[in-house]
Amino acid sequence: MITKITVLAIYVGILFLIGILASRRVKSMSDYYVGGKKMGFWAVAFSARATGESGWLLIGLTGMGAIAGYSGYWVVVGELLGVFLSWQFMAKRFKKRSDAYKAITIPDYLQSHFKSSTNTLRIISASVLVVFVVIYVASQMDVTGIAFESMLGIDYRIGVLIGFTIVLIYIFIGGFVAAVWSDMFQGILMFFGLVLLPIVVWFSMDHGAGITAGLNAIDPTLTQVMGRSTDGWMNLFTILGFSMIGLGFLGSPQVYVRFMSIENENEIDKGKWVALLFTLLTDAAAVTIGILARIYFTQEGQDPESILGTGGEDVLSMITNEFLPTILVAIFIAIVLSAIMSTIDSLLILASSAITRDFYQKIFRPDVKDEDLTKFSRLVTIGMAMAALGIAVLLYNLYPDRKVFWIMIFGWSGIAATFCPVIILSLFWKGYTEKGAIASMITGFASVIVCKFVFSNMESVGAYFVELDVLAPSFAFAMIVGYIVSKLFPKKHTEQPETIE
């Protein structure tokens, strides 16, 4: 225990040092929220991936690999495709336009792009950000408590408070720069930890006849890449549910604010390859870790969740304690916290920007200068963090059998379904209007809730919607409604066409 606490203390010390160094670069609102738009490709690529993956990757996806088997690799396919499309076709366009608009938040970008004369679009986008970001941050804090409890034997509630305090201090000090620099440090830890662990486990365990044979001995459906059900439609919806998770990389604010922050468009070309390699290796490694744990810890006829935890959430803790020496287990605890913190910091800054800039400054106090808002933005960050902490503790008390993977995906989907269709259509369709964008955002937001709590509970098709989950249908509905409304209410002839490519 002393070794684990020592390594954890060193890790926290490094984060605080990063926060202190970053604070020297925070001299304006732009510095606090987008690093003054001077970030390099290494930092942005690692930060975007670490933020996009989070504790979901280490706790959720490893558990999903153990429960789903080979079909879990569809998550890897979907995420890889989403990252590629985002960096290859969208990032440069978004960077060029956000720079031309002098935008430092996503609502800034939308307001300028549609030349909006009202605050409707800004209010809706900022409101949705606050709601789903707080839910998503709460799920990350929930995972923090689970990690402390399963890997250190520390009470869940104490673990949540420790994680809450750590991330808040260094964000409070250094803002976006601290978040990106710490994300890069944490992303490197995640990368090497995840890639090396399945290799170590494979060479340490009794191979038997191999992975496929090992899974077949437990349950032959685990080796069925196209799904484990005898119902072909169910398998199709499962594959879509897994692979469509990658849609969230096509415009989610916590990822795209990093494209705003990058120094220039040339850095995007370099960062693309870093992001793709990170995604491929870490996601594939996470699923593989889960599969190896399923082979090692379970036998035919056993309920995997009774051994590996709800949704397989104890997989990483069990496999590291079984195969690694104490010092490396301690480092893995730091890696798990890295994954969680890298997302919490980014999301809290995102939510803070929505309230500070998009509500307070742009709507109620347009006379206030950017430099006068830094203190206020830090107070807002604390408020958002405390709200998320309260929700996390509530989840723990009310839903002891919750599945980490899908709770995180719900928060991720809410943000993605609301913003991704709007970002895509605004970048590639000149006929997209402000009314269309508002309709897309409301539809995406509402669809996530309806799909989760209505469609999934319907007798005839509910099981299929459970497998499909909420992101893909909500994303599609938002795109379709945005297109229809833009056609019904086209731009006026007096409006200037968009000239920025």
Protein backbone atom coordinates (compact mmCIF):
# COMPACT_ATOMS: atom_id res chain seq x y z
CA MET A 1 0.00 0.00 0.00
CA ILE A 2 2.86 2.40 0.83
CA THR A 3 4.37 1.85 -2.63
CA LYS A 4 1.05 2.56 -4.32
CA ILE A 5 0.47 5.73 -2.30
CA THR A 6 4.03 6.93 -3.04
CA VAL A 7 3.67 6.46 -6.80
CA LEU A 8 0.29 8.17 -6.68
CA ALA A 9 1.80 11.10 -4.76
CA ILE A 10 4.56 11.47 -7.38
CA TYR A 11 1.93 11.42 -10.14
CA VAL A 12 -0.13 14.11 -8.40
CA GLY A 13 3.02 16.17 -7.82
CA ILE A 14 3.75 16.10 -11.56
CA LEU A 15 0.21 17.28 -12.33
CA PHE A 16 0.54 20.18 -9.90
CA LEU A 17 3.90 21.13 -11.42
CA ILE A 18 2.27 21.15 -14.86
CA GLY A 19 -0.48 23.39 -13.50
CA ILE A 20 2.03 25.85 -12.03
CA LEU A 21 4.07 26.02 -15.25
CA ALA A 22 0.91 26.41 -17.33
CA SER A 23 -0.34 29.25 -15.13
CA ARG A 24 2.51 31.42 -16.40
CA ARG A 25 0.92 31.33 -19.86
CA VAL A 26 -2.56 32.31 -18.73
CA LYS A 27 -2.90 36.04 -19.29
CA SER A 28 -6.29 36.25 -21.02
CA MET A 29 -9.60 34.48 -21.57
CA SER A 30 -8.21 33.02 -24.81
CA ASP A 31 -5.24 31.59 -22.88
CA TYR A 32 -7.52 30.07 -20.23
CA TYR A 33 -9.92 28.41 -22.69
CA VAL A 34 -7.85 27.64 -25.84
CA GLY A 35 -4.22 28.13 -24.80
CA GLY A 36 -3.92 31.31 -26.85
CA LYS A 37 -4.22 29.12 -29.98
CA LYS A 38 -0.52 28.25 -29.80
CA MET A 39 -0.56 24.54 -28.98
CA GLY A 40 1.65 22.06 -30.89
CA PHE A 41 0.46 18.93 -32.69
CA TRP A 42 1.88 16.43 -30.16
CA ALA A 43 0.07 18.12 -27.30
CA VAL A 44 -3.19 18.53 -29.22
CA ALA A 45 -3.20 14.97 -30.62
CA PHE A 46 -2.51 13.32 -27.27
CA SER A 47 -4.89 15.68 -25.49
CA ALA A 48 -7.71 15.09 -27.99
CA ARG A 49 -7.32 11.33 -27.73
CA ALA A 50 -6.89 11.24 -23.95
CA THR A 51 -9.97 13.46 -23.58
CA GLY A 52 -11.97 11.39 -26.06
CA GLU A 53 -11.09 8.07 -24.41
CA SER A 54 -11.14 8.76 -20.66
CA GLY A 55 -11.75 6.22 -17.90
CA TRP A 56 -14.21 4.63 -20.33
CA LEU A 57 -11.21 3.17 -22.17
CA LEU A 58 -9.51 1.56 -19.16
CA ILE A 59 -12.50 0.58 -17.04
CA GLY A 60 -15.35 0.45 -19.56
CA LEU A 61 -13.78 -0.95 -22.73
CA THR A 62 -11.65 -3.54 -20.95
CA GLY A 63 -14.82 -4.75 -19.24
CA MET A 64 -16.71 -4.71 -22.54
CA GLY A 65 -13.98 -6.87 -24.12
CA ALA A 66 -14.43 -9.44 -21.36
CA ILE A 67 -18.22 -9.54 -21.73
CA ALA A 68 -18.52 -9.26 -25.53
CA GLY A 69 -15.45 -11.16 -26.74
CA TYR A 70 -14.31 -10.65 -30.34
CA SER A 71 -17.34 -8.53 -31.28
CA GLY A 72 -15.94 -5.86 -28.94
CA TYR A 73 -13.37 -5.04 -31.62
CA TRP A 74 -16.13 -3.26 -33.55
CA VAL A 75 -15.66 -0.42 -31.05
CA VAL A 76 -12.05 -0.14 -32.26
CA VAL A 77 -13.17 -0.05 -35.90
CA GLY A 78 -15.75 2.66 -35.21
CA GLU A 79 -13.44 4.84 -33.16
CA LEU A 80 -10.62 4.57 -35.70
CA LEU A 81 -12.94 5.58 -38.54
CA GLY A 82 -14.35 8.50 -36.54
CA VAL A 83 -10.89 9.82 -35.64
CA PHE A 84 -9.70 9.50 -39.26
CA LEU A 85 -12.69 11.34 -40.75
CA SER A 86 -12.44 14.07 -38.13
CA TRP A 87 -8.73 14.81 -38.59
CA GLN A 88 -8.65 14.21 -42.35
CA PHE A 89 -11.71 16.10 -43.56
CA MET A 90 -13.02 18.35 -40.79
CA ALA A 91 -10.21 19.64 -38.60
CA LYS A 92 -8.62 22.06 -41.11
CA ARG A 93 -11.92 23.54 -42.21
CA PHE A 94 -12.97 24.02 -38.62
CA LYS A 95 -9.62 25.54 -37.62
CA LYS A 96 -9.67 28.00 -40.52
CA ARG A 97 -13.21 29.14 -39.81
CA SER A 98 -12.89 29.36 -36.04
CA ASP A 99 -9.74 31.48 -36.48
CA ALA A 100 -11.50 33.75 -38.97
CA TYR A 101 -14.37 34.18 -36.50
CA LYS A 102 -11.93 34.72 -33.61
CA ALA A 103 -13.93 32.06 -31.77
CA ILE A 104 -12.69 30.56 -28.50
CA THR A 105 -15.76 28.43 -27.73
CA ILE A 106 -18.08 26.26 -29.87
CA PRO A 107 -21.06 28.59 -29.30
CA ASP A 108 -18.77 31.44 -30.46
CA TYR A 109 -18.14 29.55 -33.68
CA LEU A 110 -21.84 28.82 -34.28
CA GLN A 111 -22.94 32.38 -33.51
CA SER A 112 -20.41 33.81 -35.97
CA HIS A 113 -20.93 31.19 -38.66
CA PHE A 114 -24.67 31.81 -38.92
CA LYS A 115 -24.25 35.58 -38.41
CA SER A 116 -26.91 35.29 -35.75
CA SER A 117 -28.58 38.49 -34.60
CA THR A 118 -30.14 36.80 -31.57
CA ASN A 119 -28.71 34.76 -28.72
CA THR A 120 -30.97 31.74 -29.29
CA LEU A 121 -28.28 29.52 -30.79
CA ARG A 122 -25.75 30.51 -28.15
CA ILE A 123 -28.19 29.88 -25.30
CA ILE A 124 -29.24 26.45 -26.59
CA SER A 125 -25.69 25.26 -27.31
CA ALA A 126 -24.33 26.54 -23.99
CA SER A 127 -27.26 25.03 -22.05
CA VAL A 128 -26.83 21.60 -23.63
CA LEU A 129 -23.10 21.72 -22.98
CA VAL A 130 -23.63 22.41 -19.29
CA VAL A 131 -26.24 19.65 -18.86
CA PHE A 132 -24.43 16.81 -20.62
CA VAL A 133 -20.93 17.87 -19.58
CA VAL A 134 -21.94 17.72 -15.91
CA ILE A 135 -23.45 14.24 -16.49
CA TYR A 136 -20.31 13.08 -18.31
CA VAL A 137 -18.00 14.52 -15.65
CA ALA A 138 -20.13 12.82 -12.98
CA SER A 139 -19.62 9.47 -14.73
CA GLN A 140 -15.86 10.10 -14.77
CA MET A 141 -15.87 10.90 -11.05
CA ASP A 142 -17.89 7.73 -10.52
CA VAL A 143 -15.12 5.75 -12.23
CA THR A 144 -12.57 7.52 -10.02
CA GLY A 145 -14.31 6.17 -6.95
CA ILE A 146 -14.52 2.68 -8.48
CA ALA A 147 -10.81 2.77 -9.34
CA PHE A 148 -9.76 3.81 -5.83
CA GLU A 149 -11.99 1.16 -4.28
CA SER A 150 -10.98 -1.75 -6.55
CA MET A 151 -7.29 -0.94 -6.95
CA LEU A 152 -6.36 0.69 -3.64
CA GLY A 153 -9.04 -0.56 -1.26
CA ILE A 154 -9.98 3.04 -0.43
CA ASP A 155 -13.66 3.80 0.18
CA TYR A 156 -15.49 4.90 -2.98
CA ARG A 157 -16.57 8.26 -1.56
CA ILE A 158 -13.08 9.15 -0.36
CA GLY A 159 -11.69 8.17 -3.77
CA VAL A 160 -14.16 10.43 -5.55
CA LEU A 161 -13.21 13.35 -3.28
CA ILE A 162 -9.48 12.79 -3.84
CA GLY A 163 -9.92 12.74 -7.63
CA PHE A 164 -12.17 15.80 -7.46
CA THR A 165 -9.60 17.75 -5.46
CA ILE A 166 -6.63 16.79 -7.66
CA VAL A 167 -8.17 17.80 -10.97
CA LEU A 168 -9.74 20.97 -9.62
CA ILE A 169 -6.49 22.33 -8.23
CA TYR A 170 -4.46 22.08 -11.40
CA ILE A 171 -7.29 23.32 -13.64
CA PHE A 172 -7.89 26.19 -11.23
CA ILE A 173 -4.24 27.13 -11.54
CA GLY A 174 -3.55 26.64 -15.24
CA GLY A 175 -6.78 26.39 -17.23
CA PHE A 176 -6.71 24.96 -20.76
CA VAL A 177 -2.91 24.92 -21.04
CA ALA A 178 -2.67 22.84 -17.87
CA ALA A 179 -5.38 20.54 -19.21
CA VAL A 180 -3.60 19.99 -22.55
CA TRP A 181 -0.12 19.57 -21.09
CA SER A 182 -1.38 17.21 -18.41
CA ASP A 183 -3.43 15.35 -21.04
CA MET A 184 -0.26 14.81 -23.05
CA PHE A 185 1.58 13.46 -20.01
CA GLN A 186 -1.40 11.31 -19.07
CA GLY A 187 -1.94 10.20 -22.67
CA ILE A 188 1.63 8.91 -22.86
CA LEU A 189 1.08 6.95 -19.64
CA MET A 190 -2.16 5.50 -21.02
CA PHE A 191 -0.55 4.57 -24.33
CA PHE A 192 2.40 2.63 -22.97
CA GLY A 193 0.45 1.09 -20.11
CA LEU A 194 -2.34 -0.24 -22.32
CA VAL A 195 -0.11 -1.42 -25.17
CA LEU A 196 2.37 -3.27 -22.95
CA LEU A 197 -0.09 -4.88 -20.49
CA PRO A 198 -1.67 -7.48 -22.83
CA ILE A 199 1.82 -8.48 -24.01
CA VAL A 200 3.00 -9.03 -20.44
CA VAL A 201 -0.19 -10.94 -19.55
CA TRP A 202 0.00 -13.15 -22.64
CA PHE A 203 3.56 -14.24 -21.94
CA SER A 204 2.81 -14.73 -18.23
CA MET A 205 -0.30 -16.87 -18.47
CA ASP A 206 -0.67 -20.47 -19.59
CA HIS A 207 -1.47 -20.05 -23.26
CA GLY A 208 -3.24 -23.39 -23.63
CA ALA A 209 -4.37 -23.79 -27.23
CA GLY A 210 -4.57 -20.04 -27.83
CA ILE A 211 -7.04 -17.19 -27.34
CA THR A 212 -9.73 -18.48 -29.71
CA ALA A 213 -9.67 -21.95 -28.22
CA GLY A 214 -9.70 -20.48 -24.70
CA LEU A 215 -12.81 -18.40 -25.45
CA ASN A 216 -14.53 -21.31 -27.20
CA ALA A 217 -14.00 -23.47 -24.12
CA ILE A 218 -15.85 -20.86 -22.02
CA ASP A 219 -18.53 -19.83 -24.50
CA PRO A 220 -18.29 -20.33 -28.31
CA THR A 221 -20.32 -17.17 -28.95
CA LEU A 222 -17.40 -15.08 -27.61
CA THR A 223 -15.43 -15.77 -30.80
CA GLN A 224 -18.25 -14.68 -33.12
CA VAL A 225 -17.03 -11.37 -34.55
CA MET A 226 -20.41 -10.61 -36.12
CA GLY A 227 -22.26 -10.82 -32.80
CA ARG A 228 -23.21 -13.38 -30.17
CA SER A 229 -26.96 -13.66 -30.78
CA THR A 230 -28.81 -16.21 -32.93
CA ASP A 231 -30.93 -13.27 -34.14
CA GLY A 232 -29.22 -11.71 -37.16
CA TRP A 233 -30.96 -8.35 -36.66
CA MET A 234 -29.83 -8.26 -33.05
CA ASN A 235 -26.25 -8.85 -34.16
CA LEU A 236 -26.52 -6.05 -36.72
CA PHE A 237 -27.81 -3.60 -34.11
CA THR A 238 -25.04 -4.69 -31.71
CA ILE A 239 -22.35 -4.06 -34.33
CA LEU A 240 -23.86 -0.67 -35.17
CA GLY A 241 -24.09 0.23 -31.49
CA PHE A 242 -20.42 -0.56 -30.95
CA SER A 243 -19.05 0.99 -34.14
CA MET A 244 -21.21 4.13 -34.14
CA ILE A 245 -19.52 5.27 -30.90
CA GLY A 246 -16.94 6.77 -33.29
CA LEU A 247 -19.52 9.31 -34.50
CA GLY A 248 -18.76 11.29 -31.37
CA PHE A 249 -15.40 12.38 -32.78
CA LEU A 250 -17.06 14.27 -35.65
CA GLY A 251 -17.67 17.51 -33.81
CA SER A 252 -17.83 16.96 -30.05
CA PRO A 253 -16.87 20.28 -28.39
CA GLN A 254 -14.32 18.78 -25.97
CA VAL A 255 -12.39 17.44 -28.99
CA TYR A 256 -12.94 20.31 -31.42
CA VAL A 257 -11.89 23.02 -29.00
CA ARG A 258 -8.45 21.38 -29.34
CA PHE A 259 -8.51 22.05 -33.08
CA MET A 260 -9.19 25.67 -32.19
CA SER A 261 -6.13 25.68 -29.94
CA ILE A 262 -3.62 24.20 -32.40
CA GLU A 263 -1.03 26.70 -33.68
CA ASN A 264 -1.69 26.31 -37.42
CA GLU A 265 -3.25 24.02 -40.03
CA ASN A 266 0.04 22.29 -40.86
CA GLU A 267 0.17 20.93 -37.33
CA ILE A 268 -3.12 19.13 -38.00
CA ASP A 269 -1.53 16.96 -40.72
CA LYS A 270 1.14 15.82 -38.27
CA GLY A 271 -1.26 15.34 -35.39
CA LYS A 272 -3.55 13.11 -37.48
CA TRP A 273 -1.05 10.23 -37.54
CA VAL A 274 -0.37 10.51 -33.82
CA ALA A 275 -4.11 10.40 -33.07
CA LEU A 276 -4.74 7.41 -35.38
CA LEU A 277 -1.88 5.36 -33.98
CA PHE A 278 -2.94 6.14 -30.41
CA THR A 279 -6.54 5.11 -31.13
CA LEU A 280 -5.69 1.88 -32.93
CA LEU A 281 -3.21 0.56 -30.39
CA THR A 282 -4.90 1.64 -27.16
CA ASP A 283 -8.44 0.63 -28.10
CA ALA A 284 -7.35 -2.75 -29.48
CA ALA A 285 -5.23 -3.32 -26.38
CA ALA A 286 -8.14 -2.50 -24.05
CA VAL A 287 -10.46 -5.05 -25.71
CA THR A 288 -7.63 -7.62 -25.72
CA ILE A 289 -7.02 -7.12 -21.99
CA GLY A 290 -10.68 -7.88 -21.35
CA ILE A 291 -10.57 -11.02 -23.50
CA LEU A 292 -7.45 -12.31 -21.73
CA ALA A 293 -9.11 -11.67 -18.36
CA ARG A 294 -12.18 -13.61 -19.46
CA ILE A 295 -10.00 -16.60 -20.37
CA TYR A 296 -7.92 -16.46 -17.19
CA PHE A 297 -10.53 -15.71 -14.54
CA THR A 298 -13.71 -17.42 -15.76
CA GLN A 299 -14.82 -20.90 -16.76
CA GLU A 300 -17.66 -22.42 -18.76
CA GLY A 301 -21.08 -21.84 -17.22
CA GLN A 302 -19.99 -19.05 -14.88
CA ASP A 303 -21.63 -15.63 -14.84
CA PRO A 304 -18.75 -13.31 -15.86
CA GLU A 305 -20.20 -10.29 -14.06
CA SER A 306 -20.28 -12.14 -10.74
CA ILE A 307 -16.51 -12.60 -11.06
CA LEU A 308 -15.35 -9.58 -13.09
CA GLY A 309 -17.79 -7.02 -11.69
CA THR A 310 -20.82 -5.32 -13.25
CA GLY A 311 -20.02 -4.80 -16.92
CA GLY A 312 -16.57 -6.27 -16.24
CA GLU A 313 -15.48 -3.07 -14.47
CA ASP A 314 -13.02 -4.95 -12.19
CA VAL A 315 -11.06 -6.48 -15.10
CA LEU A 316 -8.15 -4.05 -15.06
CA SER A 317 -7.75 -4.19 -11.29
CA MET A 318 -7.83 -8.01 -11.25
CA ILE A 319 -5.44 -8.49 -14.13
CA THR A 320 -2.84 -5.98 -12.93
CA ASN A 321 -2.85 -7.38 -9.39
CA GLU A 322 -2.51 -10.91 -10.75
CA PHE A 323 0.30 -10.36 -13.25
CA LEU A 324 2.25 -7.24 -12.23
CA PRO A 325 4.57 -6.46 -9.30
CA THR A 326 3.36 -3.88 -6.77
CA ILE A 327 5.33 -0.98 -8.27
CA LEU A 328 3.75 -1.55 -11.70
CA VAL A 329 0.29 -1.96 -10.17
CA ALA A 330 0.84 1.44 -8.56
CA ILE A 331 1.79 2.92 -11.94
CA PHE A 332 -1.37 1.45 -13.44
CA ILE A 333 -3.43 3.11 -10.75
CA ALA A 334 -1.86 6.38 -11.90
CA ILE A 335 -2.68 5.45 -15.52
CA VAL A 336 -6.33 4.84 -14.68
CA LEU A 337 -6.48 8.18 -12.90
CA SER A 338 -4.74 9.74 -15.92
CA ALA A 339 -7.49 8.54 -18.22
CA ILE A 340 -10.17 9.89 -15.93
CA MET A 341 -8.51 13.21 -15.13
CA SER A 342 -7.69 13.94 -18.77
CA THR A 343 -11.40 13.99 -19.54
CA ILE A 344 -12.63 15.69 -16.38
CA ASP A 345 -10.27 18.64 -16.79
CA SER A 346 -11.26 19.24 -20.42
CA LEU A 347 -14.97 18.94 -19.76
CA LEU A 348 -14.94 21.23 -16.74
CA ILE A 349 -13.17 23.93 -18.74
CA LEU A 350 -15.68 23.42 -21.55
CA ALA A 351 -18.64 23.81 -19.17
CA SER A 352 -16.99 26.79 -17.53
CA SER A 353 -16.54 28.50 -20.91
CA ALA A 354 -20.24 27.94 -21.72
CA ILE A 355 -21.36 29.74 -18.58
CA THR A 356 -18.64 32.39 -18.31
CA ARG A 357 -18.28 33.48 -21.92
CA ASP A 358 -21.46 32.33 -23.64
CA PHE A 359 -23.94 33.24 -20.91
CA TYR A 360 -22.42 35.80 -18.58
CA GLN A 361 -20.20 37.82 -20.92
CA LYS A 362 -21.90 37.56 -24.31
CA ILE A 363 -25.51 37.81 -23.14
CA PHE A 364 -25.60 39.63 -19.80
CA ARG A 365 -22.32 41.55 -19.53
CA PRO A 366 -20.93 42.29 -23.02
CA ASP A 367 -19.12 45.31 -21.54
CA VAL A 368 -16.88 43.10 -19.37
CA LYS A 369 -13.39 42.60 -20.77
CA ASP A 370 -11.89 39.12 -21.16
CA GLU A 371 -9.11 39.74 -18.66
CA ASP A 372 -11.66 40.62 -15.96
CA LEU A 373 -13.37 37.24 -16.27
CA THR A 374 -10.52 34.91 -15.34
CA LYS A 375 -11.40 34.84 -11.63
CA PHE A 376 -15.10 34.37 -12.40
CA SER A 377 -14.35 31.50 -14.79
CA ARG A 378 -12.40 29.69 -12.08
CA LEU A 379 -15.30 30.03 -9.64
CA VAL A 380 -17.66 28.63 -12.29
CA THR A 381 -15.30 25.68 -12.79
CA ILE A 382 -15.55 24.89 -9.06
CA GLY A 383 -19.34 25.12 -9.20
CA MET A 384 -19.55 22.72 -12.17
CA ALA A 385 -17.22 20.27 -10.46
CA MET A 386 -19.28 20.28 -7.28
CA ALA A 387 -22.50 19.64 -9.23
CA ALA A 388 -20.86 16.68 -10.99
CA LEU A 389 -19.56 15.37 -7.67
CA GLY A 390 -23.07 15.42 -6.25
CA ILE A 391 -24.45 13.45 -9.22
CA ALA A 392 -21.63 10.89 -8.95
CA VAL A 393 -22.41 10.21 -5.29
CA LEU A 394 -26.12 9.97 -6.15
CA LEU A 395 -25.36 7.39 -8.88
CA TYR A 396 -23.38 5.36 -6.37
CA ASN A 397 -26.18 5.35 -3.80
CA LEU A 398 -29.18 4.91 -6.11
CA TYR A 399 -27.78 2.58 -8.79
CA PRO A 400 -25.29 0.12 -7.28
CA ASP A 401 -25.63 -2.18 -10.34
CA ARG A 402 -24.95 0.59 -12.90
CA LYS A 403 -22.72 -0.28 -15.89
CA VAL A 404 -19.86 2.18 -16.27
CA PHE A 405 -19.46 1.65 -20.02
CA TRP A 406 -23.01 2.67 -20.90
CA ILE A 407 -23.35 5.51 -18.37
CA MET A 408 -20.30 7.16 -19.91
CA ILE A 409 -21.60 6.52 -23.40
CA PHE A 410 -24.88 8.25 -22.47
CA GLY A 411 -23.05 11.46 -21.51
CA TRP A 412 -20.77 11.19 -24.54
CA SER A 413 -23.77 10.58 -26.82
CA GLY A 414 -25.69 13.55 -25.48
CA ILE A 415 -22.87 15.93 -26.33
CA ALA A 416 -22.13 14.25 -29.67
CA ALA A 417 -25.73 14.00 -30.93
CA THR A 418 -26.33 17.67 -30.12
CA PHE A 419 -23.18 19.12 -31.68
CA CYS A 420 -21.70 16.74 -34.27
CA PRO A 421 -24.51 17.03 -36.87
CA VAL A 422 -24.41 20.83 -36.53
CA ILE A 423 -20.62 21.00 -36.96
CA ILE A 424 -20.68 18.62 -39.96
CA LEU A 425 -23.49 20.45 -41.78
CA SER A 426 -22.03 23.88 -41.02
CA LEU A 427 -18.69 22.84 -42.52
CA PHE A 428 -19.94 21.12 -45.67
CA TRP A 429 -23.35 22.53 -46.64
CA LYS A 430 -23.81 26.19 -47.54
CA GLY A 431 -27.58 25.81 -47.43
CA TYR A 432 -27.58 25.03 -43.70
CA THR A 433 -29.38 27.78 -41.79
CA GLU A 434 -29.50 29.00 -38.22
CA LYS A 435 -33.03 27.63 -37.83
CA GLY A 436 -31.81 24.30 -39.18
CA ALA A 437 -28.95 24.32 -36.65
CA ILE A 438 -31.32 25.09 -33.77
CA ALA A 439 -33.63 22.28 -34.92
CA SER A 440 -30.67 19.86 -35.18
CA MET A 441 -29.46 20.66 -31.67
CA ILE A 442 -32.89 20.35 -30.05
CA THR A 443 -33.58 17.11 -31.94
CA GLY A 444 -30.21 15.58 -31.05
CA PHE A 445 -30.61 16.52 -27.39
CA ALA A 446 -34.20 15.24 -27.15
CA SER A 447 -33.55 12.08 -29.16
CA VAL A 448 -30.85 10.90 -26.76
CA ILE A 449 -33.32 11.07 -23.89
CA VAL A 450 -36.21 9.52 -25.89
CA CYS A 451 -34.07 6.67 -27.27
CA LYS A 452 -32.70 5.91 -23.82
CA PHE A 453 -35.86 6.05 -21.78
CA VAL A 454 -38.67 5.41 -24.28
CA PHE A 455 -37.54 3.38 -27.31
CA SER A 456 -35.33 1.09 -25.23
CA ASN A 457 -38.29 0.13 -23.06
CA MET A 458 -40.72 -0.68 -25.88
CA GLU A 459 -41.78 -4.33 -25.91
CA SER A 460 -41.33 -5.14 -29.59
CA VAL A 461 -38.17 -3.21 -30.51
CA GLY A 462 -36.75 -2.22 -27.13
CA ALA A 463 -34.07 -4.92 -27.06
CA TYR A 464 -32.77 -3.78 -30.45
CA PHE A 465 -32.53 -0.16 -29.30
CA VAL A 466 -30.67 -1.28 -26.19
CA GLU A 467 -28.01 -2.86 -28.42
CA LEU A 468 -27.98 0.04 -30.88
CA ASP A 469 -27.83 2.53 -27.99
CA VAL A 470 -28.70 6.19 -28.38
CA LEU A 471 -25.97 7.87 -30.43
CA ALA A 472 -26.57 6.52 -33.96
CA PRO A 473 -30.35 7.13 -34.11
CA SER A 474 -30.10 10.50 -32.36
CA PHE A 475 -27.31 11.56 -34.72
CA ALA A 476 -29.40 10.52 -37.76
CA PHE A 477 -32.55 12.28 -36.51
CA ALA A 478 -30.61 15.51 -35.89
CA MET A 479 -29.08 15.45 -39.39
CA ILE A 480 -32.43 14.79 -41.08
CA VAL A 481 -34.36 17.42 -39.12
CA GLY A 482 -31.61 20.00 -39.68
CA TYR A 483 -31.77 19.38 -43.43
CA ILE A 484 -35.58 19.56 -43.59
CA VAL A 485 -35.84 22.76 -41.52
CA SER A 486 -33.07 24.44 -43.56
CA LYS A 487 -34.99 23.60 -46.74
CA LEU A 488 -38.25 24.88 -45.28
CA PHE A 489 -36.64 28.09 -43.98
CA PRO A 490 -33.79 28.87 -46.42
CA LYS A 491 -31.36 31.74 -46.12
CA LYS A 492 -32.65 35.11 -47.25
CA HIS A 493 -31.22 36.44 -50.51
CA THR A 494 -29.83 39.42 -48.63
CA GLU A 495 -27.57 37.21 -46.54
CA GLN A 496 -23.95 37.01 -47.62
CA PRO A 497 -22.84 33.53 -48.68
CA GLU A 498 -20.16 31.77 -46.65
CA THR A 499 -16.78 32.43 -48.32
CA ILE A 500 -14.40 30.78 -45.86
CA GLU A 501 -13.36 27.33 -47.06
